[in-house]
Amino acid sequence: MENTEIIIKLTSDEALVLSDWLERVQMTDLSRLVDDEAVWAPIHRLAGTLDKSLPGIFAADYGERLDAARRRLRPASDDVASEQRQRKRSTWSAPGS
């Protein structure tokens, strides 16, 4: 298989939230979360790429920016409740069926 690069496009909100999550993941014991060490290199590379692309992670108002990005990315509460009900209906099956 050819080892070509893959381009992933994210919005700035997506990149900021993902960068924060990856930072927290890297600060934990990765071996507990990720059982295959081959996955660690791409996790670190992705985190590093995001960090270089997001100068706002060093801003004094980083926490506020992150909170705002999270709010914009979360579905509306009505949408979440509706989605959860649909999932429950689609995964439930009658006994003996």
PDB file of N, CA and C in Angstrom:
ATOM      1  N   MET A   1       0.839  -1.182   0.000  1.00  0.00           N
ATOM      2  CA  MET A   1       0.000   0.000   0.000  1.00  0.00           C
ATOM      3  C   MET A   1       0.882   1.243   0.000  1.00  0.00           C
ATOM      4  N   GLU A   2       0.521   2.173  -0.810  1.00  0.00           N
ATOM      5  CA  GLU A   2       1.258   3.421  -0.904  1.00  0.00           C
ATOM      6  C   GLU A   2       1.031   4.251   0.348  1.00  0.00           C
ATOM      7  N   ASN A   3       2.058   4.901   0.856  1.00  0.00           N
ATOM      8  CA  ASN A   3       1.972   5.684   2.084  1.00  0.00           C
ATOM      9  C   ASN A   3       1.745   7.154   1.733  1.00  0.00           C
ATOM     10  N   THR A   4       0.539   7.473   1.269  1.00  0.00           N
ATOM     11  CA  THR A   4       0.216   8.835   0.892  1.00  0.00           C
ATOM     12  C   THR A   4      -0.362   9.578   2.087  1.00  0.00           C
ATOM     13  N   GLU A   5      -0.267  10.888   2.043  1.00  0.00           N
ATOM     14  CA  GLU A   5      -0.834  11.709   3.111  1.00  0.00           C
ATOM     15  C   GLU A   5      -2.324  11.879   2.904  1.00  0.00           C
ATOM     16  N   ILE A   6      -3.025  12.049   4.002  1.00  0.00           N
ATOM     17  CA  ILE A   6      -4.461  12.283   3.976  1.00  0.00           C
ATOM     18  C   ILE A   6      -4.718  13.644   4.606  1.00  0.00           C
ATOM     19  N   ILE A   7      -5.566  14.424   3.984  1.00  0.00           N
ATOM     20  CA  ILE A   7      -5.900  15.752   4.478  1.00  0.00           C
ATOM     21  C   ILE A   7      -7.250  15.692   5.175  1.00  0.00           C
ATOM     22  N   ILE A   8      -7.288  16.204   6.393  1.00  0.00           N
ATOM     23  CA  ILE A   8      -8.523  16.283   7.160  1.00  0.00           C
ATOM     24  C   ILE A   8      -8.842  17.759   7.353  1.00  0.00           C
ATOM     25  N   LYS A   9     -10.043  18.154   7.018  1.00  0.00           N
ATOM     26  CA  LYS A   9     -10.440  19.548   7.170  1.00  0.00           C
ATOM     27  C   LYS A   9     -11.376  19.674   8.371  1.00  0.00           C
ATOM     28  N   LEU A  10     -11.065  20.647   9.217  1.00  0.00           N
ATOM     29  CA  LEU A  10     -11.866  20.933  10.398  1.00  0.00           C
ATOM     30  C   LEU A  10     -12.173  22.424  10.447  1.00  0.00           C
ATOM     31  N   THR A  11     -13.289  22.760  11.057  1.00  0.00           N
ATOM     32  CA  THR A  11     -13.543  24.168  11.325  1.00  0.00           C
ATOM     33  C   THR A  11     -12.641  24.585  12.479  1.00  0.00           C
ATOM     34  N   SER A  12     -12.498  25.872  12.703  1.00  0.00           N
ATOM     35  CA  SER A  12     -11.656  26.317  13.819  1.00  0.00           C
ATOM     36  C   SER A  12     -12.240  25.860  15.154  1.00  0.00           C
ATOM     37  N   ASP A  13     -13.565  25.832  15.280  1.00  0.00           N
ATOM     38  CA  ASP A  13     -14.188  25.325  16.509  1.00  0.00           C
ATOM     39  C   ASP A  13     -13.869  23.846  16.705  1.00  0.00           C
ATOM     40  N   GLU A  14     -14.010  23.068  15.658  1.00  0.00           N
ATOM     41  CA  GLU A  14     -13.714  21.631  15.749  1.00  0.00           C
ATOM     42  C   GLU A  14     -12.252  21.402  16.123  1.00  0.00           C
ATOM     43  N   ALA A  15     -11.361  22.154  15.498  1.00  0.00           N
ATOM     44  CA  ALA A  15      -9.936  22.007  15.768  1.00  0.00           C
ATOM     45  C   ALA A  15      -9.605  22.375  17.213  1.00  0.00           C
ATOM     46  N   LEU A  16     -10.203  23.437  17.720  1.00  0.00           N
ATOM     47  CA  LEU A  16      -9.936  23.873  19.087  1.00  0.00           C
ATOM     48  C   LEU A  16     -10.415  22.835  20.101  1.00  0.00           C
ATOM     49  N   VAL A  17     -11.630  22.339  19.923  1.00  0.00           N
ATOM     50  CA  VAL A  17     -12.188  21.349  20.845  1.00  0.00           C
ATOM     51  C   VAL A  17     -11.405  20.034  20.758  1.00  0.00           C
ATOM     52  N   LEU A  18     -11.073  19.612  19.555  1.00  0.00           N
ATOM     53  CA  LEU A  18     -10.307  18.378  19.390  1.00  0.00           C
ATOM     54  C   LEU A  18      -8.908  18.512  19.980  1.00  0.00           C
ATOM     55  N   SER A  19      -8.281  19.649  19.779  1.00  0.00           N
ATOM     56  CA  SER A  19      -6.952  19.887  20.334  1.00  0.00           C
ATOM     57  C   SER A  19      -6.973  19.786  21.851  1.00  0.00           C
ATOM     58  N   ASP A  20      -7.962  20.382  22.477  1.00  0.00           N
ATOM     59  CA  ASP A  20      -8.072  20.329  23.930  1.00  0.00           C
ATOM     60  C   ASP A  20      -8.264  18.894  24.407  1.00  0.00           C
ATOM     61  N   TRP A  21      -9.138  18.153  23.727  1.00  0.00           N
ATOM     62  CA  TRP A  21      -9.398  16.758  24.107  1.00  0.00           C
ATOM     63  C   TRP A  21      -8.147  15.904  23.937  1.00  0.00           C
ATOM     64  N   LEU A  22      -7.450  16.090  22.816  1.00  0.00           N
ATOM     65  CA  LEU A  22      -6.233  15.318  22.582  1.00  0.00           C
ATOM     66  C   LEU A  22      -5.171  15.628  23.635  1.00  0.00           C
ATOM     67  N   GLU A  23      -5.085  16.879  24.036  1.00  0.00           N
ATOM     68  CA  GLU A  23      -4.129  17.260  25.088  1.00  0.00           C
ATOM     69  C   GLU A  23      -4.450  16.515  26.376  1.00  0.00           C
ATOM     70  N   ARG A  24      -5.723  16.460  26.739  1.00  0.00           N
ATOM     71  CA  ARG A  24      -6.115  15.748  27.957  1.00  0.00           C
ATOM     72  C   ARG A  24      -5.859  14.251  27.824  1.00  0.00           C
ATOM     73  N   VAL A  25      -6.116  13.687  26.653  1.00  0.00           N
ATOM     74  CA  VAL A  25      -5.859  12.264  26.417  1.00  0.00           C
ATOM     75  C   VAL A  25      -4.372  11.967  26.567  1.00  0.00           C
ATOM     76  N   GLN A  26      -3.534  12.822  26.016  1.00  0.00           N
ATOM     77  CA  GLN A  26      -2.089  12.604  26.091  1.00  0.00           C
ATOM     78  C   GLN A  26      -1.557  12.731  27.517  1.00  0.00           C
ATOM     79  N   MET A  27      -2.259  13.459  28.362  1.00  0.00           N
ATOM     80  CA  MET A  27      -1.827  13.630  29.747  1.00  0.00           C
ATOM     81  C   MET A  27      -2.249  12.451  30.627  1.00  0.00           C
ATOM     82  N   THR A  28      -3.079  11.569  30.086  1.00  0.00           N
ATOM     83  CA  THR A  28      -3.480  10.382  30.832  1.00  0.00           C
ATOM     84  C   THR A  28      -2.522   9.250  30.484  1.00  0.00           C
ATOM     85  N   ASP A  29      -2.746   8.124  31.050  1.00  0.00           N
ATOM     86  CA  ASP A  29      -1.967   6.942  30.704  1.00  0.00           C
ATOM     87  C   ASP A  29      -2.545   6.394  29.402  1.00  0.00           C
ATOM     88  N   LEU A  30      -1.912   6.721  28.283  1.00  0.00           N
ATOM     89  CA  LEU A  30      -2.435   6.314  26.976  1.00  0.00           C
ATOM     90  C   LEU A  30      -2.629   4.808  26.870  1.00  0.00           C
ATOM     91  N   SER A  31      -1.822   4.047  27.572  1.00  0.00           N
ATOM     92  CA  SER A  31      -1.944   2.595  27.462  1.00  0.00           C
ATOM     93  C   SER A  31      -3.265   2.089  28.042  1.00  0.00           C
ATOM     94  N   ARG A  32      -3.859   2.841  28.953  1.00  0.00           N
ATOM     95  CA  ARG A  32      -5.178   2.451  29.483  1.00  0.00           C
ATOM     96  C   ARG A  32      -6.277   2.717  28.463  1.00  0.00           C
ATOM     97  N   LEU A  33      -6.128   3.798  27.715  1.00  0.00           N
ATOM     98  CA  LEU A  33      -7.154   4.215  26.761  1.00  0.00           C
ATOM     99  C   LEU A  33      -6.959   3.600  25.381  1.00  0.00           C
ATOM    100  N   VAL A  34      -5.719   3.527  24.943  1.00  0.00           N
ATOM    101  CA  VAL A  34      -5.395   3.049  23.603  1.00  0.00           C
ATOM    102  C   VAL A  34      -4.526   1.803  23.753  1.00  0.00           C
ATOM    103  N   ASP A  35      -5.086   0.646  23.412  1.00  0.00           N
ATOM    104  CA  ASP A  35      -4.374  -0.607  23.643  1.00  0.00           C
ATOM    105  C   ASP A  35      -3.362  -0.960  22.558  1.00  0.00           C
ATOM    106  N   ASP A  36      -3.323  -0.205  21.481  1.00  0.00           N
ATOM    107  CA  ASP A  36      -2.397  -0.474  20.381  1.00  0.00           C
ATOM    108  C   ASP A  36      -1.415   0.687  20.265  1.00  0.00           C
ATOM    109  N   GLU A  37      -0.156   0.440  20.597  1.00  0.00           N
ATOM    110  CA  GLU A  37       0.856   1.504  20.577  1.00  0.00           C
ATOM    111  C   GLU A  37       1.029   2.126  19.195  1.00  0.00           C
ATOM    112  N   ALA A  38       0.635   1.430  18.137  1.00  0.00           N
ATOM    113  CA  ALA A  38       0.737   1.982  16.782  1.00  0.00           C
ATOM    114  C   ALA A  38      -0.143   3.214  16.618  1.00  0.00           C
ATOM    115  N   VAL A  39      -1.151   3.346  17.452  1.00  0.00           N
ATOM    116  CA  VAL A  39      -2.077   4.489  17.363  1.00  0.00           C
ATOM    117  C   VAL A  39      -1.482   5.727  18.030  1.00  0.00           C
ATOM    118  N   TRP A  40      -0.529   5.546  18.913  1.00  0.00           N
ATOM    119  CA  TRP A  40       0.033   6.674  19.648  1.00  0.00           C
ATOM    120  C   TRP A  40       0.708   7.691  18.734  1.00  0.00           C
ATOM    121  N   ALA A  41       1.465   7.243  17.764  1.00  0.00           N
ATOM    122  CA  ALA A  41       2.180   8.171  16.872  1.00  0.00           C
ATOM    123  C   ALA A  41       1.210   9.092  16.129  1.00  0.00           C
ATOM    124  N   PRO A  42       0.133   8.555  15.513  1.00  0.00           N
ATOM    125  CA  PRO A  42      -0.782   9.476  14.843  1.00  0.00           C
ATOM    126  C   PRO A  42      -1.511  10.412  15.819  1.00  0.00           C
ATOM    127  N   ILE A  43      -1.773   9.940  17.036  1.00  0.00           N
ATOM    128  CA  ILE A  43      -2.407  10.812  18.033  1.00  0.00           C
ATOM    129  C   ILE A  43      -1.483  11.990  18.342  1.00  0.00           C
ATOM    130  N   HIS A  44      -0.215  11.713  18.583  1.00  0.00           N
ATOM    131  CA  HIS A  44       0.739  12.777  18.885  1.00  0.00           C
ATOM    132  C   HIS A  44       0.940  13.706  17.689  1.00  0.00           C
ATOM    133  N   ARG A  45       0.984  13.129  16.496  1.00  0.00           N
ATOM    134  CA  ARG A  45       1.183  13.954  15.296  1.00  0.00           C
ATOM    135  C   ARG A  45      -0.014  14.880  15.065  1.00  0.00           C
ATOM    136  N   LEU A  46      -1.212  14.340  15.215  1.00  0.00           N
ATOM    137  CA  LEU A  46      -2.420  15.149  15.049  1.00  0.00           C
ATOM    138  C   LEU A  46      -2.459  16.265  16.085  1.00  0.00           C
ATOM    139  N   ALA A  47      -2.165  15.939  17.329  1.00  0.00           N
ATOM    140  CA  ALA A  47      -2.162  16.949  18.394  1.00  0.00           C
ATOM    141  C   ALA A  47      -1.133  18.040  18.109  1.00  0.00           C
ATOM    142  N   GLY A  48       0.050  17.645  17.681  1.00  0.00           N
ATOM    143  CA  GLY A  48       1.093  18.616  17.372  1.00  0.00           C
ATOM    144  C   GLY A  48       0.719  19.521  16.211  1.00  0.00           C
ATOM    145  N   THR A  49       0.120  18.941  15.193  1.00  0.00           N
ATOM    146  CA  THR A  49      -0.312  19.727  14.037  1.00  0.00           C
ATOM    147  C   THR A  49      -1.372  20.740  14.442  1.00  0.00           C
ATOM    148  N   LEU A  50      -2.316  20.305  15.266  1.00  0.00           N
ATOM    149  CA  LEU A  50      -3.355  21.224  15.735  1.00  0.00           C
ATOM    150  C   LEU A  50      -2.744  22.343  16.574  1.00  0.00           C
ATOM    151  N   ASP A  51      -1.845  21.994  17.470  1.00  0.00           N
ATOM    152  CA  ASP A  51      -1.218  23.006  18.321  1.00  0.00           C
ATOM    153  C   ASP A  51      -0.508  24.077  17.491  1.00  0.00           C
ATOM    154  N   LYS A  52       0.177  23.660  16.434  1.00  0.00           N
ATOM    155  CA  LYS A  52       0.879  24.619  15.573  1.00  0.00           C
ATOM    156  C   LYS A  52      -0.094  25.498  14.791  1.00  0.00           C
ATOM    157  N   SER A  53      -1.281  24.974  14.518  1.00  0.00           N
ATOM    158  CA  SER A  53      -2.266  25.690  13.702  1.00  0.00           C
ATOM    159  C   SER A  53      -3.187  26.580  14.513  1.00  0.00           C
ATOM    160  N   LEU A  54      -3.127  26.475  15.830  1.00  0.00           N
ATOM    161  CA  LEU A  54      -4.066  27.204  16.686  1.00  0.00           C
ATOM    162  C   LEU A  54      -3.326  28.143  17.645  1.00  0.00           C
ATOM    163  N   PRO A  55      -2.966  29.330  17.185  1.00  0.00           N
ATOM    164  CA  PRO A  55      -2.257  30.252  18.079  1.00  0.00           C
ATOM    165  C   PRO A  55      -3.109  30.655  19.286  1.00  0.00           C
ATOM    166  N   GLY A  56      -4.423  30.525  19.183  1.00  0.00           N
ATOM    167  CA  GLY A  56      -5.321  30.903  20.271  1.00  0.00           C
ATOM    168  C   GLY A  56      -5.207  30.035  21.507  1.00  0.00           C
ATOM    169  N   ILE A  57      -4.534  28.879  21.397  1.00  0.00           N
ATOM    170  CA  ILE A  57      -4.421  28.018  22.578  1.00  0.00           C
ATOM    171  C   ILE A  57      -3.526  28.641  23.639  1.00  0.00           C
ATOM    172  N   PHE A  58      -2.775  29.677  23.270  1.00  0.00           N
ATOM    173  CA  PHE A  58      -1.912  30.358  24.234  1.00  0.00           C
ATOM    174  C   PHE A  58      -2.486  31.707  24.663  1.00  0.00           C
ATOM    175  N   ALA A  59      -3.692  32.029  24.201  1.00  0.00           N
ATOM    176  CA  ALA A  59      -4.315  33.307  24.530  1.00  0.00           C
ATOM    177  C   ALA A  59      -4.807  33.311  25.981  1.00  0.00           C
ATOM    178  N   ALA A  60      -4.842  34.487  26.553  1.00  0.00           N
ATOM    179  CA  ALA A  60      -5.299  34.632  27.940  1.00  0.00           C
ATOM    180  C   ALA A  60      -6.756  34.198  28.095  1.00  0.00           C
ATOM    181  N   ASP A  61      -7.540  34.355  27.033  1.00  0.00           N
ATOM    182  CA  ASP A  61      -8.968  34.002  27.099  1.00  0.00           C
ATOM    183  C   ASP A  61      -9.250  32.631  26.480  1.00  0.00           C
ATOM    184  N   TYR A  62      -8.245  31.754  26.514  1.00  0.00           N
ATOM    185  CA  TYR A  62      -8.382  30.417  25.920  1.00  0.00           C
ATOM    186  C   TYR A  62      -9.606  29.677  26.458  1.00  0.00           C
ATOM    187  N   GLY A  63      -9.799  29.695  27.747  1.00  0.00           N
ATOM    188  CA  GLY A  63     -10.934  28.984  28.358  1.00  0.00           C
ATOM    189  C   GLY A  63     -12.268  29.460  27.817  1.00  0.00           C
ATOM    190  N   GLU A  64     -12.406  30.761  27.677  1.00  0.00           N
ATOM    191  CA  GLU A  64     -13.655  31.320  27.138  1.00  0.00           C
ATOM    192  C   GLU A  64     -13.835  30.927  25.674  1.00  0.00           C
ATOM    193  N   ARG A  65     -12.744  30.964  24.905  1.00  0.00           N
ATOM    194  CA  ARG A  65     -12.813  30.566  23.489  1.00  0.00           C
ATOM    195  C   ARG A  65     -13.212  29.098  23.361  1.00  0.00           C
ATOM    196  N   LEU A  66     -12.626  28.259  24.207  1.00  0.00           N
ATOM    197  CA  LEU A  66     -12.927  26.832  24.178  1.00  0.00           C
ATOM    198  C   LEU A  66     -14.393  26.583  24.556  1.00  0.00           C
ATOM    199  N   ASP A  67     -14.855  27.231  25.607  1.00  0.00           N
ATOM    200  CA  ASP A  67     -16.261  27.078  26.019  1.00  0.00           C
ATOM    201  C   ASP A  67     -17.214  27.507  24.911  1.00  0.00           C
ATOM    202  N   ALA A  68     -16.906  28.622  24.256  1.00  0.00           N
ATOM    203  CA  ALA A  68     -17.762  29.114  23.171  1.00  0.00           C
ATOM    204  C   ALA A  68     -17.767  28.130  22.000  1.00  0.00           C
ATOM    205  N   ALA A  69     -16.603  27.585  21.666  1.00  0.00           N
ATOM    206  CA  ALA A  69     -16.524  26.616  20.569  1.00  0.00           C
ATOM    207  C   ALA A  69     -17.323  25.366  20.906  1.00  0.00           C
ATOM    208  N   ARG A  70     -17.217  24.906  22.151  1.00  0.00           N
ATOM    209  CA  ARG A  70     -17.993  23.729  22.568  1.00  0.00           C
ATOM    210  C   ARG A  70     -19.488  23.992  22.452  1.00  0.00           C
ATOM    211  N   ARG A  71     -19.918  25.157  22.892  1.00  0.00           N
ATOM    212  CA  ARG A  71     -21.356  25.490  22.806  1.00  0.00           C
ATOM    213  C   ARG A  71     -21.834  25.488  21.350  1.00  0.00           C
ATOM    214  N   ARG A  72     -21.027  26.047  20.462  1.00  0.00           N
ATOM    215  CA  ARG A  72     -21.428  26.112  19.047  1.00  0.00           C
ATOM    216  C   ARG A  72     -21.472  24.724  18.414  1.00  0.00           C
ATOM    217  N   LEU A  73     -20.652  23.804  18.898  1.00  0.00           N
ATOM    218  CA  LEU A  73     -20.605  22.468  18.301  1.00  0.00           C
ATOM    219  C   LEU A  73     -21.642  21.508  18.872  1.00  0.00           C
ATOM    220  N   ARG A  74     -22.124  21.786  20.068  1.00  0.00           N
ATOM    221  CA  ARG A  74     -23.116  20.890  20.663  1.00  0.00           C
ATOM    222  C   ARG A  74     -24.458  21.066  19.968  1.00  0.00           C
ATOM    223  N   PRO A  75     -25.145  19.938  19.728  1.00  0.00           N
ATOM    224  CA  PRO A  75     -26.482  20.061  19.151  1.00  0.00           C
ATOM    225  C   PRO A  75     -27.417  20.710  20.168  1.00  0.00           C
ATOM    226  N   ALA A  76     -28.464  21.332  19.671  1.00  0.00           N
ATOM    227  CA  ALA A  76     -29.460  21.919  20.550  1.00  0.00           C
ATOM    228  C   ALA A  76     -30.036  20.828  21.437  1.00  0.00           C
ATOM    229  N   SER A  77     -30.408  21.163  22.666  1.00  0.00           N
ATOM    230  CA  SER A  77     -30.885  20.155  23.612  1.00  0.00           C
ATOM    231  C   SER A  77     -32.102  19.409  23.087  1.00  0.00           C
ATOM    232  N   ASP A  78     -32.985  20.065  22.360  1.00  0.00           N
ATOM    233  CA  ASP A  78     -34.148  19.375  21.781  1.00  0.00           C
ATOM    234  C   ASP A  78     -33.692  18.323  20.776  1.00  0.00           C
ATOM    235  N   ASP A  79     -32.666  18.649  19.995  1.00  0.00           N
ATOM    236  CA  ASP A  79     -32.145  17.708  19.008  1.00  0.00           C
ATOM    237  C   ASP A  79     -31.526  16.492  19.691  1.00  0.00           C
ATOM    238  N   VAL A  80     -30.837  16.714  20.795  1.00  0.00           N
ATOM    239  CA  VAL A  80     -30.195  15.622  21.514  1.00  0.00           C
ATOM    240  C   VAL A  80     -31.242  14.680  22.081  1.00  0.00           C
ATOM    241  N   ALA A  81     -32.273  15.230  22.727  1.00  0.00           N
ATOM    242  CA  ALA A  81     -33.322  14.401  23.314  1.00  0.00           C
ATOM    243  C   ALA A  81     -34.023  13.590  22.235  1.00  0.00           C
ATOM    244  N   SER A  82     -34.317  14.214  21.109  1.00  0.00           N
ATOM    245  CA  SER A  82     -34.972  13.516  20.008  1.00  0.00           C
ATOM    246  C   SER A  82     -34.080  12.407  19.463  1.00  0.00           C
ATOM    247  N   GLU A  83     -32.788  12.696  19.319  1.00  0.00           N
ATOM    248  CA  GLU A  83     -31.845  11.702  18.801  1.00  0.00           C
ATOM    249  C   GLU A  83     -31.730  10.521  19.759  1.00  0.00           C
ATOM    250  N   GLN A  84     -31.704  10.786  21.070  1.00  0.00           N
ATOM    251  CA  GLN A  84     -31.614   9.706  22.050  1.00  0.00           C
ATOM    252  C   GLN A  84     -32.863   8.819  22.002  1.00  0.00           C
ATOM    253  N   ARG A  85     -34.033   9.422  21.857  1.00  0.00           N
ATOM    254  CA  ARG A  85     -35.264   8.629  21.761  1.00  0.00           C
ATOM    255  C   ARG A  85     -35.243   7.757  20.517  1.00  0.00           C
ATOM    256  N   GLN A  86     -34.787   8.306  19.401  1.00  0.00           N
ATOM    257  CA  GLN A  86     -34.722   7.530  18.164  1.00  0.00           C
ATOM    258  C   GLN A  86     -33.749   6.367  18.302  1.00  0.00           C
ATOM    259  N   ARG A  87     -32.611   6.584  18.950  1.00  0.00           N
ATOM    260  CA  ARG A  87     -31.631   5.521  19.149  1.00  0.00           C
ATOM    261  C   ARG A  87     -32.219   4.401  20.003  1.00  0.00           C
ATOM    262  N   LYS A  88     -32.929   4.780  21.067  1.00  0.00           N
ATOM    263  CA  LYS A  88     -33.525   3.774  21.932  1.00  0.00           C
ATOM    264  C   LYS A  88     -34.530   2.933  21.158  1.00  0.00           C
ATOM    265  N   ARG A  89     -35.348   3.582  20.328  1.00  0.00           N
ATOM    266  CA  ARG A  89     -36.340   2.853  19.536  1.00  0.00           C
ATOM    267  C   ARG A  89     -35.676   1.922  18.527  1.00  0.00           C
ATOM    268  N   SER A  90     -34.600   2.395  17.913  1.00  0.00           N
ATOM    269  CA  SER A  90     -33.971   1.593  16.859  1.00  0.00           C
ATOM    270  C   SER A  90     -33.158   0.435  17.419  1.00  0.00           C
ATOM    271  N   THR A  91     -32.707   0.517  18.669  1.00  0.00           N
ATOM    272  CA  THR A  91     -31.902  -0.557  19.238  1.00  0.00           C
ATOM    273  C   THR A  91     -32.737  -1.536  20.052  1.00  0.00           C
ATOM    274  N   TRP A  92     -33.952  -1.168  20.417  1.00  0.00           N
ATOM    275  CA  TRP A  92     -34.802  -2.035  21.205  1.00  0.00           C
ATOM    276  C   TRP A  92     -35.461  -3.067  20.301  1.00  0.00           C
ATOM    277  N   SER A  93     -35.479  -4.287  20.759  1.00  0.00           N
ATOM    278  CA  SER A  93     -36.192  -5.314  20.008  1.00  0.00           C
ATOM    279  C   SER A  93     -37.009  -6.133  20.991  1.00  0.00           C
ATOM    280  N   ALA A  94     -38.142  -6.564  20.544  1.00  0.00           N
ATOM    281  CA  ALA A  94     -39.041  -7.334  21.405  1.00  0.00           C
ATOM    282  C   ALA A  94     -38.431  -8.693  21.688  1.00  0.00           C
ATOM    283  N   PRO A  95     -38.669  -9.211  22.900  1.00  0.00           N
ATOM    284  CA  PRO A  95     -38.159 -10.558  23.222  1.00  0.00           C
ATOM    285  C   PRO A  95     -38.689 -11.586  22.216  1.00  0.00           C
ATOM    286  N   GLY A  96     -37.805 -12.460  21.811  1.00  0.00           N
ATOM    287  CA  GLY A  96     -38.189 -13.510  20.870  1.00  0.00           C
ATOM    288  C   GLY A  96     -38.208 -13.077  19.431  1.00  0.00           C
ATOM    289  N   SER A  97     -37.856 -11.827  19.149  1.00  0.00           N
ATOM    290  CA  SER A  97     -37.873 -11.388  17.739  1.00  0.00           C
ATOM    291  C   SER A  97     -36.532 -11.532  17.098  1.00  0.00           C
TER     292      SER A  97
END
